[in-house]
């Protein structure tokens, strides 16, 4: 078994792809979470400014 055949080990590649997909999923959740928090923060601060204006 050479180093070359190890590089094309299908099981090993499946694990790499699975890890990559998991990392992408976590990143997507993190980005969505950040956008949600930013959106809520803007909505809340906008509401506060409106309340102070009255």
C-alpha atoms as a PDB file:
ATOM      1  CA  UNK A   1       0.000   0.000   0.000  1.00  0.00           C
ATOM      2  CA  UNK A   2       1.746   3.149  -1.201  1.00  0.00           C
ATOM      3  CA  UNK A   3       1.217   6.717  -0.090  1.00  0.00           C
ATOM      4  CA  UNK A   4      -0.450   7.324  -3.437  1.00  0.00           C
ATOM      5  CA  UNK A   5      -3.163   4.705  -2.934  1.00  0.00           C
ATOM      6  CA  UNK A   6      -3.823   6.136   0.535  1.00  0.00           C
ATOM      7  CA  UNK A   7      -4.575   9.536  -1.012  1.00  0.00           C
ATOM      8  CA  UNK A   8      -7.386   7.927  -3.012  1.00  0.00           C
ATOM      9  CA  UNK A   9      -8.828   5.881  -0.143  1.00  0.00           C
ATOM     10  CA  UNK A  10     -12.609   6.313  -0.607  1.00  0.00           C
ATOM     11  CA  UNK A  11     -13.390   5.962   3.112  1.00  0.00           C
ATOM     12  CA  UNK A  12     -10.827   8.594   4.014  1.00  0.00           C
ATOM     13  CA  UNK A  13     -12.196  10.958   1.381  1.00  0.00           C
ATOM     14  CA  UNK A  14     -15.737  10.428   2.685  1.00  0.00           C
ATOM     15  CA  UNK A  15     -14.609  11.498   6.144  1.00  0.00           C
ATOM     16  CA  UNK A  16     -12.898  14.612   4.730  1.00  0.00           C
ATOM     17  CA  UNK A  17     -16.056  15.537   2.805  1.00  0.00           C
ATOM     18  CA  UNK A  18     -18.205  14.924   5.892  1.00  0.00           C
ATOM     19  CA  UNK A  19     -15.952  17.162   8.019  1.00  0.00           C
ATOM     20  CA  UNK A  20     -16.023  19.847   5.326  1.00  0.00           C
ATOM     21  CA  UNK A  21     -19.839  19.739   5.133  1.00  0.00           C
ATOM     22  CA  UNK A  22     -20.102  19.934   8.929  1.00  0.00           C
ATOM     23  CA  UNK A  23     -17.778  22.951   9.005  1.00  0.00           C
ATOM     24  CA  UNK A  24     -19.822  24.662   6.269  1.00  0.00           C
ATOM     25  CA  UNK A  25     -23.044  23.943   8.155  1.00  0.00           C
ATOM     26  CA  UNK A  26     -21.633  25.404  11.381  1.00  0.00           C
ATOM     27  CA  UNK A  27     -20.387  28.461   9.496  1.00  0.00           C
ATOM     28  CA  UNK A  28     -23.798  28.932   7.885  1.00  0.00           C
ATOM     29  CA  UNK A  29     -25.523  28.748  11.268  1.00  0.00           C
ATOM     30  CA  UNK A  30     -23.028  31.202  12.742  1.00  0.00           C
ATOM     31  CA  UNK A  31     -23.546  33.695   9.892  1.00  0.00           C
ATOM     32  CA  UNK A  32     -27.341  33.368  10.072  1.00  0.00           C
ATOM     33  CA  UNK A  33     -27.171  33.857  13.851  1.00  0.00           C
ATOM     34  CA  UNK A  34     -25.001  36.982  13.455  1.00  0.00           C
ATOM     35  CA  UNK A  35     -27.365  38.455  10.835  1.00  0.00           C
ATOM     36  CA  UNK A  36     -30.334  37.736  13.105  1.00  0.00           C
ATOM     37  CA  UNK A  37     -28.657  39.434  16.090  1.00  0.00           C
ATOM     38  CA  UNK A  38     -27.621  42.444  13.975  1.00  0.00           C
ATOM     39  CA  UNK A  39     -31.144  42.728  12.573  1.00  0.00           C
ATOM     40  CA  UNK A  40     -32.694  42.500  16.040  1.00  0.00           C
ATOM     41  CA  UNK A  41     -30.182  44.998  17.413  1.00  0.00           C
ATOM     42  CA  UNK A  42     -31.033  47.523  14.690  1.00  0.00           C
ATOM     43  CA  UNK A  43     -34.766  46.978  15.189  1.00  0.00           C
ATOM     44  CA  UNK A  44     -34.447  47.433  18.969  1.00  0.00           C
ATOM     45  CA  UNK A  45     -32.225  50.534  18.723  1.00  0.00           C
ATOM     46  CA  UNK A  46     -34.558  51.996  16.087  1.00  0.00           C
ATOM     47  CA  UNK A  47     -37.516  51.354  18.395  1.00  0.00           C
ATOM     48  CA  UNK A  48     -35.648  52.974  21.305  1.00  0.00           C
ATOM     49  CA  UNK A  49     -34.866  56.092  19.262  1.00  0.00           C
ATOM     50  CA  UNK A  50     -38.519  56.317  18.239  1.00  0.00           C
ATOM     51  CA  UNK A  51     -39.582  56.026  21.876  1.00  0.00           C
ATOM     52  CA  UNK A  52     -37.146  58.748  22.945  1.00  0.00           C
ATOM     53  CA  UNK A  53     -38.394  61.073  20.199  1.00  0.00           C
ATOM     54  CA  UNK A  54     -41.865  60.973  21.780  1.00  0.00           C
END
